[in-house]
Protein backbone atom coordinates (compact mmCIF):
# COMPACT_ATOMS: atom_id res chain seq x y z
CA UNK A 1 -29.05 14.87 -7.68
CA UNK A 2 -26.05 13.36 -9.43
CA UNK A 3 -22.75 13.47 -7.59
CA UNK A 4 -19.91 15.51 -9.04
CA UNK A 5 -17.17 13.11 -10.17
CA UNK A 6 -13.82 13.97 -8.51
CA UNK A 7 -10.86 14.60 -10.78
CA UNK A 8 -8.26 11.87 -11.20
CA UNK A 9 -10.60 8.84 -11.34
CA UNK A 10 -10.52 6.56 -14.36
CA UNK A 11 -13.68 5.61 -16.24
CA UNK A 12 -14.62 2.56 -14.18
CA UNK A 13 -13.86 4.30 -10.90
CA UNK A 14 -15.93 7.30 -12.02
CA UNK A 15 -18.84 5.03 -12.91
CA UNK A 16 -18.66 3.38 -9.48
CA UNK A 17 -18.48 6.75 -7.72
CA UNK A 18 -21.49 8.00 -9.69
CA UNK A 19 -23.62 5.31 -8.04
CA UNK A 20 -22.68 6.49 -4.54
CA UNK A 21 -24.22 9.09 -2.27
CA UNK A 22 -21.30 11.36 -1.24
CA UNK A 23 -23.13 12.33 1.94
CA UNK A 24 -23.02 8.71 3.10
CA UNK A 25 -19.33 8.06 2.45
CA UNK A 26 -17.36 6.96 5.54
CA UNK A 27 -15.65 9.69 7.52
CA UNK A 28 -12.86 7.39 8.66
CA UNK A 29 -11.75 4.13 7.01
CA UNK A 30 -9.32 1.75 8.71
CA UNK A 31 -7.61 -0.99 6.71
CA UNK A 32 -5.82 -4.13 7.88
CA UNK A 33 -3.42 -4.75 5.01
CA UNK A 34 -2.93 -8.52 4.87
CA UNK A 35 -1.82 -11.04 2.28
CA UNK A 36 1.58 -9.83 1.06
CA UNK A 37 3.29 -13.08 2.00
CA UNK A 38 0.64 -15.29 0.38
CA UNK A 39 0.68 -13.15 -2.75
CA UNK A 40 4.44 -13.71 -3.09
CA UNK A 41 4.29 -17.41 -2.21
CA UNK A 42 1.68 -18.11 -4.89
CA UNK A 43 4.04 -16.59 -7.43
CA UNK A 44 7.14 -18.44 -6.16
CA UNK A 45 8.68 -15.12 -5.14
CA UNK A 46 10.50 -14.15 -1.96
CA UNK A 47 8.26 -12.77 0.78
CA UNK A 48 9.75 -9.29 0.44
CA UNK A 49 8.42 -9.15 -3.12
CA UNK A 50 4.93 -9.17 -1.65
CA UNK A 51 5.77 -6.21 0.55
CA UNK A 52 7.11 -4.31 -2.46
CA UNK A 53 3.97 -5.04 -4.43
CA UNK A 54 1.88 -3.96 -1.46
CA UNK A 55 3.36 -0.46 -1.63
CA UNK A 56 1.64 0.08 -4.99
CA UNK A 57 -1.69 -0.81 -3.37
CA UNK A 58 -0.98 1.68 -0.59
CA UNK A 59 -0.34 4.39 -3.16
CA UNK A 60 -3.48 3.58 -5.15
CA UNK A 61 -5.70 3.34 -2.07
CA UNK A 62 -4.40 6.55 -0.49
CA UNK A 63 -4.76 8.60 -3.67
CA UNK A 64 -8.25 7.28 -4.43
CA UNK A 65 -9.46 7.89 -0.87
CA UNK A 66 -8.15 11.45 -0.97
CA UNK A 67 -9.72 12.16 -4.37
CA UNK A 68 -13.20 11.02 -3.38
CA UNK A 69 -13.10 13.07 -0.19
CA UNK A 70 -12.60 10.55 2.63
CA UNK A 71 -11.56 12.71 5.63
CA UNK A 72 -9.42 10.07 7.38
CA UNK A 73 -7.66 6.83 6.39
CA UNK A 74 -5.72 4.64 8.81
CA UNK A 75 -3.49 1.80 7.58
CA UNK A 76 -2.22 -1.01 9.81
CA UNK A 77 1.35 -0.99 8.54
CA UNK A 78 3.44 -2.68 11.26
CA UNK A 79 2.17 -4.32 14.42
CA UNK A 80 4.01 -4.57 17.71
CA UNK A 81 3.86 -8.35 17.32
CA UNK A 82 5.83 -8.15 14.05
CA UNK A 83 9.03 -7.76 16.06
CA UNK A 84 8.48 -11.27 17.44
CA UNK A 85 6.78 -13.03 14.50
CA UNK A 86 9.03 -11.87 11.65
CA UNK A 87 12.73 -12.68 11.15
CA UNK A 88 15.12 -9.79 11.66
CA UNK A 89 16.00 -9.66 7.97
CA UNK A 90 12.35 -9.13 7.05
CA UNK A 91 11.86 -6.49 9.75
CA UNK A 92 14.95 -4.64 8.52
CA UNK A 93 13.59 -4.78 4.98
CA UNK A 94 10.23 -3.39 6.13
CA UNK A 95 11.92 -0.53 7.96
CA UNK A 96 13.91 0.31 4.82
CA UNK A 97 10.78 0.05 2.69
CA UNK A 98 9.01 2.45 5.05
CA UNK A 99 11.84 4.97 4.79
CA UNK A 100 11.78 4.80 0.99
CA UNK A 101 8.00 5.18 0.95
CA UNK A 102 8.09 8.25 3.17
CA UNK A 103 10.74 9.84 0.95
CA UNK A 104 9.28 8.95 -2.44
CA UNK A 105 5.62 9.63 -1.64
CA UNK A 106 6.04 13.10 -0.13
CA UNK A 107 5.37 14.90 -3.45
CA UNK A 108 2.25 12.76 -4.01
CA UNK A 109 0.99 13.39 -0.49
CA UNK A 110 1.45 17.14 -0.86
CA UNK A 111 -0.08 17.12 -4.34
CA UNK A 112 -3.21 15.45 -2.94
CA UNK A 113 -3.30 17.73 0.14
CA UNK A 114 -2.78 14.77 2.51
CA UNK A 115 -1.53 15.23 6.08
CA UNK A 116 0.50 12.36 7.50
CA UNK A 117 0.21 11.15 11.10
CA UNK A 118 1.26 8.05 13.06
CA UNK A 119 -0.05 5.92 15.91
CA UNK A 120 1.89 3.36 17.93
CA UNK A 121 4.98 3.38 20.10
CA UNK A 122 7.11 5.39 17.72
CA UNK A 123 9.93 5.84 20.23
CA UNK A 124 10.73 2.11 19.98
CA UNK A 125 11.41 2.28 16.24
CA UNK A 126 14.99 2.67 14.91
CA UNK A 127 16.25 6.27 15.22
CA UNK A 128 16.80 6.61 11.46
CA UNK A 129 13.18 5.57 10.85
CA UNK A 130 11.91 8.02 13.47
CA UNK A 131 13.84 10.81 11.74
CA UNK A 132 12.26 10.04 8.37
CA UNK A 133 8.82 9.84 9.99
CA UNK A 134 9.19 13.19 11.69
CA UNK A 135 10.41 14.85 8.51
CA UNK A 136 7.46 13.50 6.50
CA UNK A 137 5.01 14.63 9.17
CA UNK A 138 6.48 18.14 9.21
CA UNK A 139 6.49 18.46 5.42
CA UNK A 140 2.81 17.49 5.18
CA UNK A 141 1.73 19.35 8.31
CA UNK A 142 0.44 22.33 6.31
CA UNK A 143 -2.01 20.18 4.32
CA UNK A 144 -5.66 20.34 5.34
CA UNK A 145 -7.15 17.48 3.29
CA UNK A 146 -7.35 13.81 4.19
CA UNK A 147 -5.48 12.64 7.29
CA UNK A 148 -3.43 9.53 6.48
CA UNK A 149 -2.47 7.70 9.68
CA UNK A 150 0.09 4.89 9.62
CA UNK A 151 -0.12 2.43 12.52
CA UNK A 152 3.53 1.58 13.18
CA UNK A 153 4.72 -0.59 16.06
CA UNK A 154 1.05 -0.56 17.02
CA UNK A 155 -0.95 -2.74 19.41
CA UNK A 156 -4.48 -1.96 20.55
CA UNK A 157 -3.85 -3.53 23.96
CA UNK A 158 -0.69 -1.49 24.40
CA UNK A 159 -2.63 1.61 23.37
CA UNK A 160 -5.13 0.99 26.16
CA UNK A 161 -2.35 0.39 28.68
CA UNK A 162 -0.68 3.65 27.64
CA UNK A 163 -4.02 5.47 27.86
CA UNK A 164 -4.70 4.29 31.43
CA UNK A 165 -1.14 5.12 32.46
CA UNK A 166 -1.55 8.61 31.05
CA UNK A 167 -4.79 9.03 32.96
CA UNK A 168 -3.15 7.95 36.21
CA UNK A 169 -0.17 10.26 35.62
CA UNK A 170 -2.50 13.18 34.89
CA UNK A 171 -4.43 12.54 38.09
CA UNK A 172 -1.22 12.27 40.11
CA UNK A 173 -0.14 15.67 38.80
CA UNK A 174 -3.54 17.13 39.59
CA UNK A 175 -3.73 16.51 43.32
CA UNK A 176 -3.58 12.73 43.64
CA UNK A 177 -5.32 9.56 42.52
CA UNK A 178 -8.49 10.53 44.33
CA UNK A 179 -9.04 12.93 41.42
CA UNK A 180 -8.87 10.09 38.90
CA UNK A 181 -12.01 9.90 36.80
CA UNK A 182 -12.51 7.06 34.34
CA UNK A 183 -15.27 7.10 31.75
CA UNK A 184 -15.50 6.52 28.00
CA UNK A 185 -14.77 10.13 27.10
CA UNK A 186 -11.67 10.32 29.30
CA UNK A 187 -10.34 7.05 27.86
CA UNK A 188 -10.92 8.29 24.29
CA UNK A 189 -9.08 11.53 25.05
CA UNK A 190 -5.96 9.56 26.01
CA UNK A 191 -5.86 7.17 23.04
CA UNK A 192 -3.37 7.52 20.18
CA UNK A 193 -6.31 8.40 17.92
CA UNK A 194 -7.69 11.24 20.04
CA UNK A 195 -7.28 13.61 17.06
CA UNK A 196 -9.47 11.38 14.85
CA UNK A 197 -13.12 10.29 14.81
CA UNK A 198 -13.71 6.58 15.40
CA UNK A 199 -13.67 4.58 12.14
CA UNK A 200 -17.07 3.81 10.68
CA UNK A 201 -15.65 1.21 8.28
CA UNK A 202 -12.82 -1.29 8.71
CA UNK A 203 -11.58 -3.36 5.77
CA UNK A 204 -9.47 -6.48 6.04
CA UNK A 205 -7.90 -8.08 2.99
CA UNK A 206 -6.94 -11.74 2.48
CA UNK A 207 -10.15 -13.18 3.99
CA UNK A 208 -9.04 -13.55 7.63
CA UNK A 209 -11.94 -13.02 10.04
CA UNK A 210 -10.17 -11.24 12.88
CA UNK A 211 -9.09 -7.75 13.97
CA UNK A 212 -5.51 -8.72 14.91
CA UNK A 213 -5.26 -6.35 17.86
CA UNK A 214 -6.09 -3.30 15.74
CA UNK A 215 -8.10 -0.33 17.11
CA UNK A 216 -10.12 -2.56 19.45
CA UNK A 217 -11.65 0.37 21.35
CA UNK A 218 -12.31 2.55 18.30
CA UNK A 219 -13.95 -0.18 16.17
CA UNK A 220 -16.75 -0.91 18.63
CA UNK A 221 -19.44 0.33 16.23
CA UNK A 222 -17.61 0.13 12.91
CA UNK A 223 -18.92 -1.83 9.96
CA UNK A 224 -16.53 -4.68 9.13
CA UNK A 225 -15.82 -5.69 5.55
CA UNK A 226 -13.60 -8.71 4.87
CA UNK A 227 -12.50 -9.40 1.31
CA UNK A 228 -10.58 -12.47 0.08
CA UNK A 229 -8.51 -10.19 -2.14
CA UNK A 230 -4.85 -10.13 -1.13
CA UNK A 231 -3.47 -6.71 -0.32
CA UNK A 232 -1.16 -6.37 -3.39
CA UNK A 233 -4.26 -6.92 -5.57
CA UNK A 234 -6.44 -4.45 -3.64
CA UNK A 235 -6.33 -1.67 -6.22
CA UNK A 236 -8.59 0.26 -8.53
CA UNK A 237 -10.07 -0.87 -11.78
CA UNK A 238 -7.04 0.12 -13.81
CA UNK A 239 -5.58 -3.38 -13.82
CA UNK A 240 -2.11 -2.60 -12.46
CA UNK A 241 -1.71 -6.25 -11.42
CA UNK A 242 1.17 -8.38 -12.61
CA UNK A 243 -0.68 -10.45 -15.21
CA UNK A 244 -2.34 -7.45 -16.83
CA UNK A 245 0.94 -5.58 -16.65
CA UNK A 246 2.71 -8.46 -18.35
CA UNK A 247 0.08 -8.61 -21.09
CA UNK A 248 0.38 -4.88 -21.69
CA UNK A 249 4.15 -5.19 -21.78
CA UNK A 250 4.00 -8.03 -24.30
CA UNK A 251 1.68 -6.00 -26.49
CA UNK A 252 4.09 -3.07 -26.50
CA UNK A 253 7.09 -5.30 -27.12
CA UNK A 254 5.44 -7.20 -29.98
CA UNK A 255 4.23 -3.99 -31.56
CA UNK A 256 7.67 -2.41 -31.35
CA UNK A 257 9.78 -5.42 -32.29
CA UNK A 258 7.57 -6.70 -35.12
CA UNK A 259 5.82 -3.71 -36.63
CA UNK A 260 8.53 -1.02 -36.55
CA UNK A 261 11.09 -2.97 -38.63
CA UNK A 262 8.34 -4.05 -41.04
CA UNK A 263 7.18 -0.47 -41.49
CA UNK A 264 10.75 0.65 -42.10
CA UNK A 265 11.32 -2.08 -44.68
CA UNK A 266 8.04 -1.84 -46.55
CA UNK A 267 7.27 1.86 -46.36
CA UNK A 268 10.59 3.63 -45.99
CA UNK A 269 12.72 0.90 -47.59
CA UNK A 270 15.37 1.64 -45.04
CA UNK A 271 18.75 -0.07 -45.39
CA UNK A 272 19.54 -3.04 -43.22
CA UNK A 273 21.89 -1.09 -40.88
CA UNK A 274 19.07 1.35 -40.09
CA UNK A 275 16.69 -1.50 -39.32
CA UNK A 276 19.34 -3.12 -37.10
CA UNK A 277 19.88 0.14 -35.23
CA UNK A 278 16.14 0.56 -34.61
CA UNK A 279 15.86 -3.06 -33.50
CA UNK A 280 18.74 -2.56 -31.05
CA UNK A 281 17.07 0.54 -29.63
CA UNK A 282 13.79 -1.33 -29.25
CA UNK A 283 15.63 -4.17 -27.50
CA UNK A 284 17.17 -1.74 -25.02
CA UNK A 285 13.77 -0.20 -24.29
CA UNK A 286 12.32 -3.68 -23.84
CA UNK A 287 15.00 -4.59 -21.30
CA UNK A 288 14.31 -1.34 -19.47
CA UNK A 289 10.59 -2.20 -19.30
CA UNK A 290 11.38 -5.67 -17.98
CA UNK A 291 13.70 -4.27 -15.31
CA UNK A 292 11.02 -1.81 -14.15
CA UNK A 293 8.47 -4.61 -13.94
CA UNK A 294 10.93 -6.80 -12.04
CA UNK A 295 11.76 -3.99 -9.61
CA UNK A 296 8.06 -3.44 -8.90
CA UNK A 297 7.74 -7.06 -7.77
CA UNK A 298 11.06 -7.35 -5.97
CA UNK A 299 12.59 -9.71 -8.54
CA UNK A 300 16.37 -9.63 -8.68
CA UNK A 301 17.45 -9.96 -12.35
CA UNK A 302 20.33 -12.28 -11.45
CA UNK A 303 17.78 -14.67 -9.93
CA UNK A 304 15.53 -14.86 -12.99
CA UNK A 305 16.84 -18.36 -13.90
CA UNK A 306 15.70 -19.53 -10.43
CA UNK A 307 12.19 -18.14 -10.94
CA UNK A 308 11.98 -19.70 -14.43
CA UNK A 309 13.14 -23.08 -13.08
CA UNK A 310 10.51 -22.93 -10.32
CA UNK A 311 7.90 -21.99 -12.86
CA UNK A 312 8.77 -24.90 -15.12
CA UNK A 313 8.16 -27.25 -12.21
CA UNK A 314 4.72 -25.70 -11.60
CA UNK A 315 3.09 -25.51 -15.03
CA UNK A 316 4.00 -25.28 -18.72
CA UNK A 317 2.99 -21.61 -18.82
CA UNK A 318 4.77 -20.51 -15.66
CA UNK A 319 7.92 -19.62 -17.63
CA UNK A 320 5.93 -16.62 -18.86
CA UNK A 321 3.87 -15.90 -15.77
CA UNK A 322 5.80 -17.00 -12.65
CA UNK A 323 7.40 -13.62 -12.07
CA UNK A 324 4.28 -11.48 -12.09
CA UNK A 325 1.07 -13.46 -12.45
CA UNK A 326 -2.14 -11.72 -11.37
CA UNK A 327 -4.53 -14.67 -11.58
CA UNK A 328 -4.70 -17.26 -8.82
CA UNK A 329 -2.48 -20.31 -9.26
């Protein structure tokens, strides 16, 4: 029996889905999103550009998982160790990026019937971030589709410590520690993920062969898939990557800049002022396209000369590709 193709998938994604057995799809997928920094470094971009590009992969992954009917998706967004390993400027940027994501993606989450949840020590996050998180959770609370869980300020070891503390506190309030019972079920009931089934598939991008203190209890029987693909490139078959995006942009620009004036001259025999006006309009639209592409990859327009200079030192073609190259350097 052929599976019914969910709406919203492109041709290649639909072909891939058609080869699957929907009854055997994972009930809960957990993803360790890794490789943003390496993605940016290979393109001579600031590290934060990798985080910006990673947001597009989050959007693509979340929407695709919801469309094909995955009940639960958990993303390792910010570990407890990030406070110590990352400079304050980068942490502040990540907190701001999270707030913008929660605000901008609410319509998409509601459109796809996605309910948003969190795991981790949320009370240790900045108050402004906690406020945005709570608002997003409340505004998606009525949805009954996929559960998207963001692991924020998360540590699996801390989760276990908190679970055992909660068990001890519950026993103390129930007549004393002699009533304390510890077994697998009681531990699971006190974990952050007690409202979710254990993941049956965990994916790690960037090729690193480790779990990085992520869901250590819950992943005991999960299948582990490690891909060398960096997280900003972990998207569908649509080719949203920088190189393909640049090629598509160049095609549109060349078509507009070259063909439109020629058509006006040869077919309409328009006067020179009209051709100049159309060319100016096309130039403005081209600049707008370039600014959108730069924003998507965290490139500050005033720093373009720096990126071009770095590219010239790397290869003769980097002047065209250094800002948003999809292929490996």
